[in-house]
């Protein structure tokens, strides 16, 4: 019986030991704190830097034009209007260049008493000769000095003109109009002309009759 009692006690002790809970955290450990009661570390924000406010402009924003350059200037428009209006714009005692002065001299001595259209046609003949690609001299002055072509030319100098006269200033205006190709003439492609009072018998194509002159190609 003694043995049986001892065995029973050993069995009881073994059964009781198997139900003991796992070891707990010792008293030296810190207790857990509920999240709701915990004191979270405070985040310190850096001091803010205050910048002065920029001035507000009401001016419209201008976008630069990338296709344009500062040194490009607009091409001035050509003068327009009828022939009398253009003559008034260009009338001057100064032709502006030696070549244009030669053209004006030719217009003056050949047609100063003609209507404006007749003076324009005479100037156009001189210009057409200068632009004829080798058939005549290539400058206005050269055309005038070509031998036997203009009766008012003697030697290698042109006769003087009365620069203060209205007729000369009109011839200058016509010369500038012809030189800049501002007005078409009825004799636009003519290379020759003569006064109506003569009959040279030219076998040329007649292109116009203006004032006291007949024009040919």
C-alpha atoms as a PDB file:
ATOM      1  CA  UNK A   1       0.000   0.000   0.000  1.00  0.00           C
ATOM      2  CA  UNK A   2       2.867   2.293   0.804  1.00  0.00           C
ATOM      3  CA  UNK A   3       4.267   1.800  -2.638  1.00  0.00           C
ATOM      4  CA  UNK A   4       0.956   2.361  -4.248  1.00  0.00           C
ATOM      5  CA  UNK A   5       0.405   5.574  -2.314  1.00  0.00           C
ATOM      6  CA  UNK A   6       3.849   6.830  -3.283  1.00  0.00           C
ATOM      7  CA  UNK A   7       3.155   5.996  -6.912  1.00  0.00           C
ATOM      8  CA  UNK A   8      -0.128   7.800  -6.765  1.00  0.00           C
ATOM      9  CA  UNK A   9       1.574  10.872  -5.345  1.00  0.00           C
ATOM     10  CA  UNK A  10       4.215  10.838  -8.069  1.00  0.00           C
ATOM     11  CA  UNK A  11       1.582  10.554 -10.747  1.00  0.00           C
ATOM     12  CA  UNK A  12      -0.363  13.461  -9.203  1.00  0.00           C
ATOM     13  CA  UNK A  13       2.770  15.603  -9.072  1.00  0.00           C
ATOM     14  CA  UNK A  14       3.575  14.868 -12.726  1.00  0.00           C
ATOM     15  CA  UNK A  15       0.070  15.766 -13.827  1.00  0.00           C
ATOM     16  CA  UNK A  16       0.123  19.034 -11.837  1.00  0.00           C
ATOM     17  CA  UNK A  17       3.555  20.055 -13.294  1.00  0.00           C
ATOM     18  CA  UNK A  18       2.367  19.694 -16.880  1.00  0.00           C
ATOM     19  CA  UNK A  19      -0.346  22.384 -16.394  1.00  0.00           C
ATOM     20  CA  UNK A  20       2.023  25.144 -15.159  1.00  0.00           C
ATOM     21  CA  UNK A  21       2.006  28.239 -17.471  1.00  0.00           C
ATOM     22  CA  UNK A  22       5.182  29.299 -19.346  1.00  0.00           C
ATOM     23  CA  UNK A  23       7.623  31.475 -17.477  1.00  0.00           C
ATOM     24  CA  UNK A  24       6.555  35.151 -17.255  1.00  0.00           C
ATOM     25  CA  UNK A  25       8.706  38.263 -17.756  1.00  0.00           C
ATOM     26  CA  UNK A  26      10.564  38.990 -14.529  1.00  0.00           C
ATOM     27  CA  UNK A  27       9.844  42.018 -12.332  1.00  0.00           C
ATOM     28  CA  UNK A  28      12.901  43.863 -13.703  1.00  0.00           C
ATOM     29  CA  UNK A  29      11.224  44.277 -17.114  1.00  0.00           C
ATOM     30  CA  UNK A  30       9.144  47.385 -17.882  1.00  0.00           C
ATOM     31  CA  UNK A  31       5.389  46.822 -17.961  1.00  0.00           C
ATOM     32  CA  UNK A  32       3.549  47.229 -21.308  1.00  0.00           C
ATOM     33  CA  UNK A  33       1.569  50.467 -21.701  1.00  0.00           C
ATOM     34  CA  UNK A  34      -1.651  50.697 -23.674  1.00  0.00           C
ATOM     35  CA  UNK A  35      -1.374  52.731 -26.857  1.00  0.00           C
ATOM     36  CA  UNK A  36      -4.159  55.064 -25.781  1.00  0.00           C
ATOM     37  CA  UNK A  37      -2.358  56.067 -22.626  1.00  0.00           C
ATOM     38  CA  UNK A  38       1.169  56.185 -24.020  1.00  0.00           C
ATOM     39  CA  UNK A  39       2.990  59.508 -24.365  1.00  0.00           C
ATOM     40  CA  UNK A  40       4.330  59.658 -27.958  1.00  0.00           C
ATOM     41  CA  UNK A  41       7.572  61.538 -28.632  1.00  0.00           C
ATOM     42  CA  UNK A  42       6.969  65.113 -29.775  1.00  0.00           C
ATOM     43  CA  UNK A  43       8.171  66.125 -33.237  1.00  0.00           C
ATOM     44  CA  UNK A  44       9.768  69.553 -33.171  1.00  0.00           C
ATOM     45  CA  UNK A  45       9.061  71.611 -36.325  1.00  0.00           C
ATOM     46  CA  UNK A  46      11.858  73.925 -37.575  1.00  0.00           C
ATOM     47  CA  UNK A  47      11.252  77.623 -37.476  1.00  0.00           C
ATOM     48  CA  UNK A  48       9.620  78.944 -40.667  1.00  0.00           C
ATOM     49  CA  UNK A  49      11.481  81.551 -42.748  1.00  0.00           C
ATOM     50  CA  UNK A  50       9.223  84.398 -43.803  1.00  0.00           C
ATOM     51  CA  UNK A  51      10.093  85.796 -47.259  1.00  0.00           C
ATOM     52  CA  UNK A  52       8.888  89.270 -48.314  1.00  0.00           C
ATOM     53  CA  UNK A  53       5.955  89.194 -50.730  1.00  0.00           C
ATOM     54  CA  UNK A  54       6.852  89.814 -54.381  1.00  0.00           C
ATOM     55  CA  UNK A  55       5.247  92.873 -55.972  1.00  0.00           C
ATOM     56  CA  UNK A  56       2.270  92.055 -58.160  1.00  0.00           C
ATOM     57  CA  UNK A  57       2.384  93.601 -61.656  1.00  0.00           C
ATOM     58  CA  UNK A  58      -0.712  94.178 -63.751  1.00  0.00           C
ATOM     59  CA  UNK A  59       1.347  94.487 -66.944  1.00  0.00           C
ATOM     60  CA  UNK A  60       0.541  91.846 -69.586  1.00  0.00           C
ATOM     61  CA  UNK A  61       3.050  89.077 -70.067  1.00  0.00           C
ATOM     62  CA  UNK A  62       4.935  89.550 -73.315  1.00  0.00           C
ATOM     63  CA  UNK A  63       6.205  86.418 -75.006  1.00  0.00           C
ATOM     64  CA  UNK A  64       9.252  87.088 -77.210  1.00  0.00           C
ATOM     65  CA  UNK A  65       8.862  86.269 -80.864  1.00  0.00           C
ATOM     66  CA  UNK A  66      11.478  83.636 -81.593  1.00  0.00           C
ATOM     67  CA  UNK A  67      11.122  84.113 -85.337  1.00  0.00           C
ATOM     68  CA  UNK A  68      12.162  87.759 -85.312  1.00  0.00           C
ATOM     69  CA  UNK A  69      15.552  89.361 -84.715  1.00  0.00           C
ATOM     70  CA  UNK A  70      16.290  92.771 -83.278  1.00  0.00           C
ATOM     71  CA  UNK A  71      18.467  93.894 -86.153  1.00  0.00           C
ATOM     72  CA  UNK A  72      15.954  93.137 -88.918  1.00  0.00           C
ATOM     73  CA  UNK A  73      14.096  96.207 -90.039  1.00  0.00           C
ATOM     74  CA  UNK A  74      10.836  96.235 -91.886  1.00  0.00           C
ATOM     75  CA  UNK A  75      11.129  96.913 -95.585  1.00  0.00           C
ATOM     76  CA  UNK A  76       9.638 100.340 -96.316  1.00  0.00           C
ATOM     77  CA  UNK A  77       6.635 100.290 -98.598  1.00  0.00           C
ATOM     78  CA  UNK A  78       7.022 101.665-102.101  1.00  0.00           C
ATOM     79  CA  UNK A  79       5.340 105.004-102.774  1.00  0.00           C
ATOM     80  CA  UNK A  80       2.051 104.581-104.584  1.00  0.00           C
ATOM     81  CA  UNK A  81      -0.369 106.784-106.471  1.00  0.00           C
ATOM     82  CA  UNK A  82      -0.906 108.095-109.964  1.00  0.00           C
ATOM     83  CA  UNK A  83       1.921 109.646-111.941  1.00  0.00           C
ATOM     84  CA  UNK A  84       1.227 113.309-110.947  1.00  0.00           C
ATOM     85  CA  UNK A  85       1.128 112.288-107.249  1.00  0.00           C
ATOM     86  CA  UNK A  86       4.420 110.428-107.522  1.00  0.00           C
ATOM     87  CA  UNK A  87       6.032 113.397-109.296  1.00  0.00           C
ATOM     88  CA  UNK A  88       4.981 115.680-106.439  1.00  0.00           C
ATOM     89  CA  UNK A  89       6.504 113.257-103.922  1.00  0.00           C
ATOM     90  CA  UNK A  90       9.854 113.011-105.736  1.00  0.00           C
ATOM     91  CA  UNK A  91      10.244 116.501-107.162  1.00  0.00           C
ATOM     92  CA  UNK A  92      13.680 117.833-106.144  1.00  0.00           C
ATOM     93  CA  UNK A  93      16.692 119.711-107.485  1.00  0.00           C
ATOM     94  CA  UNK A  94      18.976 116.872-106.311  1.00  0.00           C
ATOM     95  CA  UNK A  95      18.893 113.580-108.201  1.00  0.00           C
ATOM     96  CA  UNK A  96      20.679 111.771-105.382  1.00  0.00           C
ATOM     97  CA  UNK A  97      23.274 109.972-107.512  1.00  0.00           C
ATOM     98  CA  UNK A  98      25.358 110.569-110.629  1.00  0.00           C
ATOM     99  CA  UNK A  99      23.532 107.862-112.583  1.00  0.00           C
ATOM    100  CA  UNK A 100      20.054 109.137-111.750  1.00  0.00           C
ATOM    101  CA  UNK A 101      21.218 112.652-112.646  1.00  0.00           C
ATOM    102  CA  UNK A 102      22.267 111.407-116.107  1.00  0.00           C
ATOM    103  CA  UNK A 103      18.808 109.897-116.510  1.00  0.00           C
ATOM    104  CA  UNK A 104      17.198 113.169-115.421  1.00  0.00           C
ATOM    105  CA  UNK A 105      19.371 115.150-117.879  1.00  0.00           C
ATOM    106  CA  UNK A 106      18.215 112.908-120.721  1.00  0.00           C
ATOM    107  CA  UNK A 107      14.570 113.350-119.723  1.00  0.00           C
ATOM    108  CA  UNK A 108      14.984 117.107-119.355  1.00  0.00           C
ATOM    109  CA  UNK A 109      16.616 117.812-122.724  1.00  0.00           C
ATOM    110  CA  UNK A 110      14.546 115.333-124.718  1.00  0.00           C
ATOM    111  CA  UNK A 111      11.104 115.897-123.200  1.00  0.00           C
ATOM    112  CA  UNK A 112      10.904 118.768-120.690  1.00  0.00           C
ATOM    113  CA  UNK A 113       7.972 120.307-122.594  1.00  0.00           C
ATOM    114  CA  UNK A 114       6.135 116.968-122.950  1.00  0.00           C
ATOM    115  CA  UNK A 115       3.289 115.723-120.716  1.00  0.00           C
ATOM    116  CA  UNK A 116       4.321 113.633-117.733  1.00  0.00           C
ATOM    117  CA  UNK A 117       3.465 110.404-119.569  1.00  0.00           C
ATOM    118  CA  UNK A 118       5.742 111.485-122.442  1.00  0.00           C
ATOM    119  CA  UNK A 119       8.609 112.264-120.060  1.00  0.00           C
ATOM    120  CA  UNK A 120       8.104 108.909-118.364  1.00  0.00           C
ATOM    121  CA  UNK A 121       8.296 107.153-121.752  1.00  0.00           C
ATOM    122  CA  UNK A 122      11.564 108.927-122.677  1.00  0.00           C
ATOM    123  CA  UNK A 123      13.064 107.981-119.303  1.00  0.00           C
ATOM    124  CA  UNK A 124      11.895 104.401-119.832  1.00  0.00           C
ATOM    125  CA  UNK A 125      13.696 104.213-123.199  1.00  0.00           C
ATOM    126  CA  UNK A 126      16.986 105.248-121.547  1.00  0.00           C
ATOM    127  CA  UNK A 127      16.456 102.702-118.748  1.00  0.00           C
ATOM    128  CA  UNK A 128      15.505  99.950-121.206  1.00  0.00           C
ATOM    129  CA  UNK A 129      18.725 100.537-123.148  1.00  0.00           C
ATOM    130  CA  UNK A 130      20.809 100.337-119.957  1.00  0.00           C
ATOM    131  CA  UNK A 131      19.103  97.012-119.129  1.00  0.00           C
ATOM    132  CA  UNK A 132      19.362  95.528-122.634  1.00  0.00           C
ATOM    133  CA  UNK A 133      22.153  93.036-121.785  1.00  0.00           C
ATOM    134  CA  UNK A 134      24.920  94.289-124.063  1.00  0.00           C
ATOM    135  CA  UNK A 135      23.015  95.826-126.947  1.00  0.00           C
ATOM    136  CA  UNK A 136      23.597  99.270-125.430  1.00  0.00           C
ATOM    137  CA  UNK A 137      25.852 100.543-122.610  1.00  0.00           C
ATOM    138  CA  UNK A 138      24.846  99.230-119.190  1.00  0.00           C
ATOM    139  CA  UNK A 139      24.510 102.584-117.388  1.00  0.00           C
ATOM    140  CA  UNK A 140      22.292 105.626-117.869  1.00  0.00           C
ATOM    141  CA  UNK A 141      25.326 107.843-118.406  1.00  0.00           C
ATOM    142  CA  UNK A 142      26.795 105.362-120.885  1.00  0.00           C
ATOM    143  CA  UNK A 143      23.541 105.346-122.865  1.00  0.00           C
ATOM    144  CA  UNK A 144      23.601 109.159-123.145  1.00  0.00           C
ATOM    145  CA  UNK A 145      27.240 109.231-124.229  1.00  0.00           C
ATOM    146  CA  UNK A 146      26.844 106.550-126.870  1.00  0.00           C
ATOM    147  CA  UNK A 147      27.943 108.186-130.105  1.00  0.00           C
ATOM    148  CA  UNK A 148      25.255 109.653-132.353  1.00  0.00           C
ATOM    149  CA  UNK A 149      22.289 108.801-130.133  1.00  0.00           C
ATOM    150  CA  UNK A 150      21.315 112.062-128.392  1.00  0.00           C
ATOM    151  CA  UNK A 151      21.776 115.397-130.168  1.00  0.00           C
ATOM    152  CA  UNK A 152      22.105 117.448-126.957  1.00  0.00           C
ATOM    153  CA  UNK A 153      25.302 115.573-125.958  1.00  0.00           C
ATOM    154  CA  UNK A 154      28.556 117.023-127.261  1.00  0.00           C
ATOM    155  CA  UNK A 155      31.861 115.379-126.376  1.00  0.00           C
ATOM    156  CA  UNK A 156      32.243 113.773-122.952  1.00  0.00           C
ATOM    157  CA  UNK A 157      30.315 116.228-120.825  1.00  0.00           C
ATOM    158  CA  UNK A 158      26.641 116.932-120.289  1.00  0.00           C
ATOM    159  CA  UNK A 159      25.197 120.430-120.655  1.00  0.00           C
ATOM    160  CA  UNK A 160      24.343 122.325-117.477  1.00  0.00           C
ATOM    161  CA  UNK A 161      20.758 122.495-116.259  1.00  0.00           C
ATOM    162  CA  UNK A 162      18.825 125.211-114.383  1.00  0.00           C
ATOM    163  CA  UNK A 163      18.468 123.329-111.092  1.00  0.00           C
ATOM    164  CA  UNK A 164      16.052 125.822-109.569  1.00  0.00           C
ATOM    165  CA  UNK A 165      13.559 125.452-112.428  1.00  0.00           C
ATOM    166  CA  UNK A 166      10.369 123.441-112.015  1.00  0.00           C
ATOM    167  CA  UNK A 167      11.044 121.600-115.295  1.00  0.00           C
ATOM    168  CA  UNK A 168      14.366 120.273-113.995  1.00  0.00           C
ATOM    169  CA  UNK A 169      12.854 119.222-110.694  1.00  0.00           C
ATOM    170  CA  UNK A 170      10.091 117.407-112.575  1.00  0.00           C
ATOM    171  CA  UNK A 171      12.721 115.616-114.695  1.00  0.00           C
ATOM    172  CA  UNK A 172      14.467 114.541-111.475  1.00  0.00           C
ATOM    173  CA  UNK A 173      11.177 113.168-110.135  1.00  0.00           C
ATOM    174  CA  UNK A 174      10.508 111.244-113.348  1.00  0.00           C
ATOM    175  CA  UNK A 175      14.067 109.845-113.278  1.00  0.00           C
ATOM    176  CA  UNK A 176      13.585 108.537-109.718  1.00  0.00           C
ATOM    177  CA  UNK A 177      10.244 106.986-110.632  1.00  0.00           C
ATOM    178  CA  UNK A 178      11.807 105.211-113.631  1.00  0.00           C
ATOM    179  CA  UNK A 179      14.890 104.128-111.677  1.00  0.00           C
ATOM    180  CA  UNK A 180      12.751 102.600-108.905  1.00  0.00           C
ATOM    181  CA  UNK A 181      10.286 101.100-111.402  1.00  0.00           C
ATOM    182  CA  UNK A 182       7.326 102.707-109.666  1.00  0.00           C
ATOM    183  CA  UNK A 183       5.118 103.323-112.698  1.00  0.00           C
ATOM    184  CA  UNK A 184       4.563 101.496-115.969  1.00  0.00           C
ATOM    185  CA  UNK A 185       4.705 103.449-119.207  1.00  0.00           C
ATOM    186  CA  UNK A 186       2.666 102.993-122.390  1.00  0.00           C
ATOM    187  CA  UNK A 187       6.080 102.624-124.053  1.00  0.00           C
ATOM    188  CA  UNK A 188       7.319 100.193-121.421  1.00  0.00           C
ATOM    189  CA  UNK A 189       9.480  98.063-123.750  1.00  0.00           C
ATOM    190  CA  UNK A 190      10.534 100.769-126.246  1.00  0.00           C
ATOM    191  CA  UNK A 191      14.184 101.237-127.192  1.00  0.00           C
ATOM    192  CA  UNK A 192      13.865 104.092-129.726  1.00  0.00           C
ATOM    193  CA  UNK A 193      11.803 107.240-130.231  1.00  0.00           C
ATOM    194  CA  UNK A 194      11.662 110.242-132.530  1.00  0.00           C
ATOM    195  CA  UNK A 195       9.705 113.455-132.811  1.00  0.00           C
ATOM    196  CA  UNK A 196       6.536 113.342-134.873  1.00  0.00           C
ATOM    197  CA  UNK A 197       7.784 116.091-137.143  1.00  0.00           C
ATOM    198  CA  UNK A 198      10.363 113.757-138.697  1.00  0.00           C
ATOM    199  CA  UNK A 199      10.015 110.449-140.583  1.00  0.00           C
ATOM    200  CA  UNK A 200      13.223 108.405-140.286  1.00  0.00           C
ATOM    201  CA  UNK A 201      11.704 105.396-142.017  1.00  0.00           C
ATOM    202  CA  UNK A 202      12.721 102.929-139.295  1.00  0.00           C
ATOM    203  CA  UNK A 203      11.764  99.330-139.871  1.00  0.00           C
ATOM    204  CA  UNK A 204      10.904  98.812-136.236  1.00  0.00           C
ATOM    205  CA  UNK A 205       7.810  97.854-134.313  1.00  0.00           C
ATOM    206  CA  UNK A 206       5.850 100.898-133.249  1.00  0.00           C
ATOM    207  CA  UNK A 207       4.663 100.528-129.643  1.00  0.00           C
ATOM    208  CA  UNK A 208       3.240 103.929-128.662  1.00  0.00           C
ATOM    209  CA  UNK A 209       2.650 107.548-129.604  1.00  0.00           C
ATOM    210  CA  UNK A 210       2.732 109.946-126.645  1.00  0.00           C
ATOM    211  CA  UNK A 211       2.762 113.717-126.906  1.00  0.00           C
ATOM    212  CA  UNK A 212       5.129 114.757-129.680  1.00  0.00           C
ATOM    213  CA  UNK A 213       7.062 111.451-129.766  1.00  0.00           C
ATOM    214  CA  UNK A 214       6.626 108.074-131.407  1.00  0.00           C
ATOM    215  CA  UNK A 215       8.165 105.051-129.663  1.00  0.00           C
ATOM    216  CA  UNK A 216       9.514 101.854-131.189  1.00  0.00           C
ATOM    217  CA  UNK A 217      10.853  98.478-130.166  1.00  0.00           C
END
